[in-house]
Amino acid sequence: MATLICGSLAFDTIMGFEGRFAAQILPDQLHILNVSFLVPSLRRDFGGCAGNIAYAMRQLGGEPLPMATVGNDGADYLGRLEALGISTEFVREIDGTYTAQAMIMTDRDNNQITAFHPGAMMQAHATRVPSRPDIRLGIISPDGRDAMLQHAEQFHAAGIPFVFDPGQGLPMFDGAELAHFVELADWVTVNDYEGRMLCDRMGVELAELSRRVRGLVVTLAGEGCEIWEDGSRTLVPAVRAAEVVDPTGCGDAWRGALLYGLEQGWPLARCAALGNRLGALKVASRGPQNYVVDGVAPGVA
């Protein structure tokens, strides 16, 4: 059983500023803002929601199929996926573009300034969701707007149950469009902020939203997560991380565990518990794809 993961592949460039942004930016001079930050530390990571989720699933022993686009600079990423045993069958190279790029600068207080170049991601709708017997599950994570809309329809038409994970793409859609995503989806995953925005735009409460899908999950960072099924809420406790090093990609690691559990036919609460464990493992490692899971899947009661 394979899971089709619709979303982005991106390169994350992480820069560390040793001071505080607040000390460099004058609030009354924002109309003529012209600042420069010295960043002694810099690293480049493989990232993007589809790549991060696929990495997590593969670490657990799942069968992820990322469906994404890269630019002419994407050869290293394709090589990495193949080295990990992750199929690149549904990864398309778009000529004359760059792979999506996130440039993130973090100050000493963990405030961040991010610039994101979508690049090849804006052509993700060119690849269609296939109807194949080996693809039994899917997820729509943040991607190009047209791709998210079209892939939801294609999953539904192919009879493939899928998770709607709007993430940072949520502001692109109005209430009617979000309601249609929910109508087509089987599960919805959001963090607490996204959950409030989703409910506000749709004009519903979480309990009502959960009655429209098989399951709704609201992740709460270090507080664990809530699962909602048919209007009933259950809190799944957090797992304490060995240390907090880097939160980048924690949500994607959680979603990879969710998909792995759904592949196995687990109840939603068990999937969420594994997600909390994997999130705690990831936060103790720098970068979104550098943690290692020993064995196939951690035992979850």
Protein backbone atom coordinates (compact mmCIF):
# COMPACT_ATOMS: atom_id res chain seq x y z
CA MET A 1 0.00 0.00 0.00
CA ALA A 2 1.44 3.36 -1.05
CA THR A 3 0.58 6.90 0.01
CA LEU A 4 0.65 9.77 -2.49
CA ILE A 5 2.03 12.92 -0.86
CA CYS A 6 1.08 16.10 -2.73
CA GLY A 7 3.12 19.11 -1.66
CA SER A 8 6.41 20.92 -2.09
CA LEU A 9 10.03 19.94 -2.35
CA ALA A 10 12.18 22.87 -1.27
CA PHE A 11 15.64 23.87 -0.19
CA ASP A 12 15.73 25.58 3.23
CA THR A 13 18.56 28.05 3.79
CA ILE A 14 18.79 28.75 7.54
CA MET A 15 20.82 31.74 8.73
CA GLY A 16 21.62 32.61 12.33
CA PHE A 17 21.74 36.25 13.44
CA GLU A 18 23.40 36.54 16.85
CA GLY A 19 21.68 39.78 17.81
CA ARG A 20 18.03 40.80 18.11
CA PHE A 21 15.97 42.08 15.19
CA ALA A 22 14.28 44.54 17.55
CA ALA A 23 17.60 46.26 18.19
CA GLN A 24 18.23 46.76 14.46
CA ILE A 25 14.81 47.87 13.25
CA LEU A 26 13.51 51.32 14.23
CA PRO A 27 9.69 51.16 14.41
CA ASP A 28 9.25 54.81 13.41
CA GLN A 29 11.46 54.37 10.34
CA LEU A 30 9.78 51.37 8.72
CA HIS A 31 8.79 53.48 5.72
CA ILE A 32 12.48 53.78 4.81
CA LEU A 33 13.62 50.39 6.07
CA ASN A 34 17.15 49.53 4.91
CA VAL A 35 18.94 47.06 7.15
CA SER A 36 21.60 44.39 6.83
CA PHE A 37 22.24 41.48 9.20
CA LEU A 38 25.54 39.68 9.66
CA VAL A 39 24.77 35.94 9.84
CA PRO A 40 27.85 33.96 10.94
CA SER A 41 26.06 30.60 10.72
CA LEU A 42 24.38 29.24 7.61
CA ARG A 43 23.18 25.81 6.62
CA ARG A 44 21.17 24.42 3.73
CA ASP A 45 18.66 21.64 4.32
CA PHE A 46 16.41 19.50 2.19
CA GLY A 47 12.86 20.56 3.04
CA GLY A 48 9.38 21.20 1.72
CA CYS A 49 6.26 19.55 3.11
CA ALA A 50 6.16 16.63 0.65
CA GLY A 51 9.85 15.86 1.17
CA ASN A 52 9.64 16.10 4.95
CA ILE A 53 6.50 13.97 5.19
CA ALA A 54 7.94 11.36 2.83
CA TYR A 55 11.15 11.25 4.90
CA ALA A 56 9.17 10.60 8.09
CA MET A 57 7.05 7.88 6.50
CA ARG A 58 10.09 6.15 5.06
CA GLN A 59 11.86 6.24 8.43
CA LEU A 60 8.89 4.37 9.87
CA GLY A 61 8.81 1.80 7.07
CA GLY A 62 5.95 3.26 5.03
CA GLU A 63 5.69 3.59 1.24
CA PRO A 64 5.58 7.31 0.43
CA LEU A 65 5.16 8.60 -3.12
CA PRO A 66 5.94 12.34 -3.12
CA MET A 67 4.17 14.19 -5.94
CA ALA A 68 5.96 17.48 -6.43
CA THR A 69 7.98 19.63 -8.80
CA VAL A 70 11.61 20.69 -8.83
CA GLY A 71 13.58 23.09 -11.00
CA ASN A 72 16.80 22.65 -12.93
CA ASP A 73 18.67 22.72 -9.61
CA GLY A 74 16.77 19.73 -8.20
CA ALA A 75 19.17 16.89 -9.12
CA ASP A 76 20.66 16.68 -5.61
CA TYR A 77 17.20 16.40 -4.07
CA LEU A 78 16.16 13.66 -6.51
CA GLY A 79 19.37 11.79 -5.71
CA ARG A 80 18.70 12.07 -2.00
CA LEU A 81 15.16 10.70 -2.30
CA GLU A 82 16.37 7.77 -4.36
CA ALA A 83 19.18 7.04 -1.88
CA LEU A 84 16.55 6.90 0.88
CA GLY A 85 14.49 4.41 -1.10
CA ILE A 86 11.77 6.97 -1.86
CA SER A 87 10.30 6.78 -5.34
CA THR A 88 10.63 9.87 -7.55
CA GLU A 89 8.07 8.56 -10.06
CA PHE A 90 5.77 11.52 -9.42
CA VAL A 91 8.44 14.23 -9.10
CA ARG A 92 8.52 16.39 -12.23
CA GLU A 93 11.35 18.69 -13.27
CA ILE A 94 10.17 22.06 -14.63
CA ASP A 95 12.70 23.46 -17.08
CA GLY A 96 13.80 27.07 -16.66
CA THR A 97 12.82 27.31 -12.97
CA TYR A 98 14.39 26.95 -9.55
CA THR A 99 13.23 24.45 -6.96
CA ALA A 100 11.21 26.20 -4.25
CA GLN A 101 13.47 28.02 -1.80
CA ALA A 102 12.85 29.13 1.78
CA MET A 103 15.39 31.61 3.19
CA ILE A 104 14.99 31.84 6.95
CA MET A 105 16.89 34.17 9.26
CA THR A 106 16.58 33.58 13.00
CA ASP A 107 17.73 35.95 15.77
CA ARG A 108 18.87 35.06 19.29
CA ASP A 109 15.27 35.13 20.56
CA ASN A 110 14.15 32.67 17.85
CA ASN A 111 12.25 35.37 15.98
CA GLN A 112 12.31 34.64 12.26
CA ILE A 113 12.26 36.57 9.00
CA THR A 114 11.45 34.30 6.05
CA ALA A 115 11.43 34.81 2.30
CA PHE A 116 9.90 32.06 0.15
CA HIS A 117 10.36 31.65 -3.59
CA PRO A 118 7.83 29.09 -4.95
CA GLY A 119 9.64 28.49 -8.24
CA ALA A 120 8.71 25.14 -9.80
CA MET A 121 6.03 24.60 -7.17
CA MET A 122 3.71 26.91 -9.10
CA GLN A 123 3.52 24.26 -11.83
CA ALA A 124 2.59 21.40 -9.52
CA HIS A 125 -0.92 21.21 -10.99
CA ALA A 126 0.59 19.84 -14.21
CA THR A 127 0.84 16.40 -12.56
CA ARG A 128 -2.44 14.54 -12.04
CA VAL A 129 -3.40 12.16 -9.24
CA PRO A 130 -3.58 8.72 -10.88
CA SER A 131 -6.16 6.02 -10.19
CA ARG A 132 -3.99 3.01 -9.32
CA PRO A 133 -4.75 0.03 -7.08
CA ASP A 134 -1.48 0.36 -5.16
CA ILE A 135 -2.22 3.97 -4.12
CA ARG A 136 -4.66 3.63 -1.24
CA LEU A 137 -4.11 6.88 0.66
CA GLY A 138 -3.11 10.48 0.03
CA ILE A 139 -2.47 13.88 1.55
CA ILE A 140 -2.76 17.41 0.23
CA SER A 141 -0.17 19.55 2.00
CA PRO A 142 0.80 23.17 1.15
CA ASP A 143 1.51 23.50 -2.55
CA GLY A 144 0.58 25.74 -5.46
CA ARG A 145 -3.00 26.99 -5.20
CA ASP A 146 -4.18 25.37 -8.44
CA ALA A 147 -2.48 22.10 -7.52
CA MET A 148 -4.22 21.90 -4.14
CA LEU A 149 -7.64 22.56 -5.68
CA GLN A 150 -7.21 20.15 -8.56
CA HIS A 151 -5.55 17.35 -6.61
CA ALA A 152 -8.41 17.32 -4.09
CA GLU A 153 -10.88 16.79 -6.91
CA GLN A 154 -8.66 14.12 -8.45
CA PHE A 155 -8.26 12.19 -5.19
CA HIS A 156 -12.04 12.21 -4.77
CA ALA A 157 -12.67 11.12 -8.37
CA ALA A 158 -10.15 8.27 -8.01
CA GLY A 159 -11.79 7.08 -4.77
CA ILE A 160 -8.57 7.57 -2.79
CA PRO A 161 -9.18 8.72 0.82
CA PHE A 162 -6.98 11.68 1.70
CA VAL A 163 -5.89 14.05 4.44
CA PHE A 164 -6.42 17.78 3.91
CA ASP A 165 -3.46 19.59 5.50
CA PRO A 166 -3.74 23.26 4.44
CA GLY A 167 -0.88 24.56 6.61
CA GLN A 168 0.59 27.86 5.50
CA GLY A 169 -1.46 27.59 2.30
CA LEU A 170 -4.72 28.10 4.19
CA PRO A 171 -4.89 31.92 3.68
CA MET A 172 -5.05 31.39 -0.10
CA PHE A 173 -8.61 30.04 0.14
CA ASP A 174 -11.93 31.56 1.12
CA GLY A 175 -14.58 29.90 3.26
CA ALA A 176 -16.43 28.26 0.37
CA GLU A 177 -13.24 26.77 -1.06
CA LEU A 178 -12.15 25.46 2.33
CA ALA A 179 -15.59 23.93 2.90
CA HIS A 180 -15.27 22.14 -0.43
CA PHE A 181 -11.86 20.74 0.54
CA VAL A 182 -13.41 19.43 3.75
CA GLU A 183 -16.34 17.95 1.83
CA LEU A 184 -13.94 15.96 -0.36
CA ALA A 185 -11.44 14.97 2.37
CA ASP A 186 -11.56 12.11 4.86
CA TRP A 187 -9.32 13.68 7.51
CA VAL A 188 -8.20 17.23 8.32
CA THR A 189 -5.00 18.19 10.15
CA VAL A 190 -4.20 21.71 11.39
CA ASN A 191 -2.28 23.36 14.19
CA ASP A 192 -4.22 25.38 16.76
CA TYR A 193 -3.81 28.70 14.91
CA GLU A 194 -4.77 27.18 11.57
CA GLY A 195 -7.72 25.47 13.23
CA ARG A 196 -9.06 28.80 14.44
CA MET A 197 -8.59 30.37 11.01
CA LEU A 198 -10.23 27.43 9.26
CA CYS A 199 -13.25 27.52 11.57
CA ASP A 200 -13.52 31.29 11.29
CA ARG A 201 -13.52 31.24 7.49
CA MET A 202 -16.00 28.37 7.32
CA GLY A 203 -18.19 29.76 10.11
CA VAL A 204 -18.17 26.55 12.18
CA GLU A 205 -16.78 25.25 15.46
CA LEU A 206 -14.30 22.37 15.72
CA ALA A 207 -17.00 19.95 16.88
CA GLU A 208 -19.15 20.68 13.83
CA LEU A 209 -16.13 20.53 11.51
CA SER A 210 -15.26 17.07 12.85
CA ARG A 211 -18.71 15.77 11.94
CA ARG A 212 -17.97 16.46 8.27
CA VAL A 213 -14.92 14.14 8.11
CA ARG A 214 -13.77 10.83 9.54
CA GLY A 215 -11.36 12.62 11.85
CA LEU A 216 -9.96 16.07 12.68
CA VAL A 217 -6.61 16.60 14.41
CA VAL A 218 -5.43 19.86 15.97
CA THR A 219 -1.77 19.79 16.96
CA LEU A 220 -0.80 21.87 20.00
CA ALA A 221 3.01 21.97 19.77
CA GLY A 222 4.43 21.00 23.18
CA GLU A 223 0.95 20.29 24.58
CA GLY A 224 0.26 17.26 22.39
CA CYS A 225 -2.78 17.23 20.12
CA GLU A 226 -6.55 17.04 20.08
CA ILE A 227 -8.38 14.50 18.00
CA TRP A 228 -12.01 15.15 17.13
CA GLU A 229 -14.30 12.40 15.90
CA ASP A 230 -18.01 12.95 15.34
CA GLY A 231 -18.03 15.99 17.62
CA SER A 232 -16.11 14.38 20.51
CA ARG A 233 -12.68 15.65 21.60
CA THR A 234 -9.82 13.54 22.97
CA LEU A 235 -6.48 14.98 24.11
CA VAL A 236 -3.45 12.89 23.18
CA PRO A 237 -0.62 13.90 25.56
CA ALA A 238 2.67 15.27 24.31
CA VAL A 239 5.92 13.32 24.43
CA ARG A 240 8.78 15.19 26.08
CA ALA A 241 11.74 15.73 23.76
CA ALA A 242 15.23 14.81 24.93
CA GLU A 243 16.17 18.41 24.08
CA VAL A 244 14.74 21.23 22.00
CA VAL A 245 17.17 21.94 19.16
CA ASP A 246 15.13 22.92 16.10
CA PRO A 247 11.34 22.85 15.55
CA THR A 248 11.62 23.12 11.75
CA GLY A 249 9.69 20.26 10.17
CA CYS A 250 8.06 18.94 13.35
CA GLY A 251 4.57 19.26 11.91
CA ASP A 252 5.62 17.35 8.80
CA ALA A 253 7.20 14.58 10.88
CA TRP A 254 3.91 14.35 12.80
CA ARG A 255 1.96 14.03 9.55
CA GLY A 256 4.30 11.35 8.25
CA ALA A 257 3.54 9.31 11.37
CA LEU A 258 -0.20 9.94 10.94
CA LEU A 259 -0.08 8.60 7.39
CA TYR A 260 1.97 5.59 8.45
CA GLY A 261 -0.62 4.74 11.09
CA LEU A 262 -3.51 5.20 8.66
CA GLU A 263 -1.69 2.88 6.21
CA GLN A 264 -1.67 0.27 8.98
CA GLY A 265 -5.37 0.74 9.70
CA TRP A 266 -4.76 2.09 13.22
CA PRO A 267 -7.34 4.11 15.18
CA LEU A 268 -6.77 7.86 14.94
CA ALA A 269 -5.68 8.16 18.57
CA ARG A 270 -2.90 5.64 18.03
CA CYS A 271 -1.77 7.46 14.88
CA ALA A 272 -1.68 10.73 16.85
CA ALA A 273 0.34 9.16 19.67
CA LEU A 274 2.96 8.02 17.17
CA GLY A 275 2.91 11.52 15.65
CA ASN A 276 3.70 13.03 19.06
CA ARG A 277 6.60 10.62 19.51
CA LEU A 278 8.06 11.39 16.10
CA GLY A 279 7.65 15.14 16.62
CA ALA A 280 9.61 14.89 19.88
CA LEU A 281 12.34 12.94 18.10
CA LYS A 282 12.57 15.49 15.30
CA VAL A 283 12.71 18.57 17.55
CA ALA A 284 15.88 17.17 19.13
CA SER A 285 17.61 17.14 15.74
CA ARG A 286 18.68 20.09 13.60
CA GLY A 287 16.98 20.32 10.20
CA PRO A 288 13.76 18.72 9.00
CA GLN A 289 15.27 15.50 7.61
CA ASN A 290 18.20 14.54 9.80
CA TYR A 291 16.64 12.46 12.61
CA VAL A 292 16.74 8.67 12.59
CA VAL A 293 14.09 6.23 13.81
CA ASP A 294 15.47 2.92 15.05
CA GLY A 295 13.43 -0.07 13.94
CA VAL A 296 10.27 0.08 11.86
CA ALA A 297 7.86 1.97 14.12
CA PRO A 298 8.06 2.83 17.81
CA GLY A 299 5.62 0.74 19.84
CA VAL A 300 2.50 2.68 20.64
CA ALA A 301 -0.10 1.38 23.05
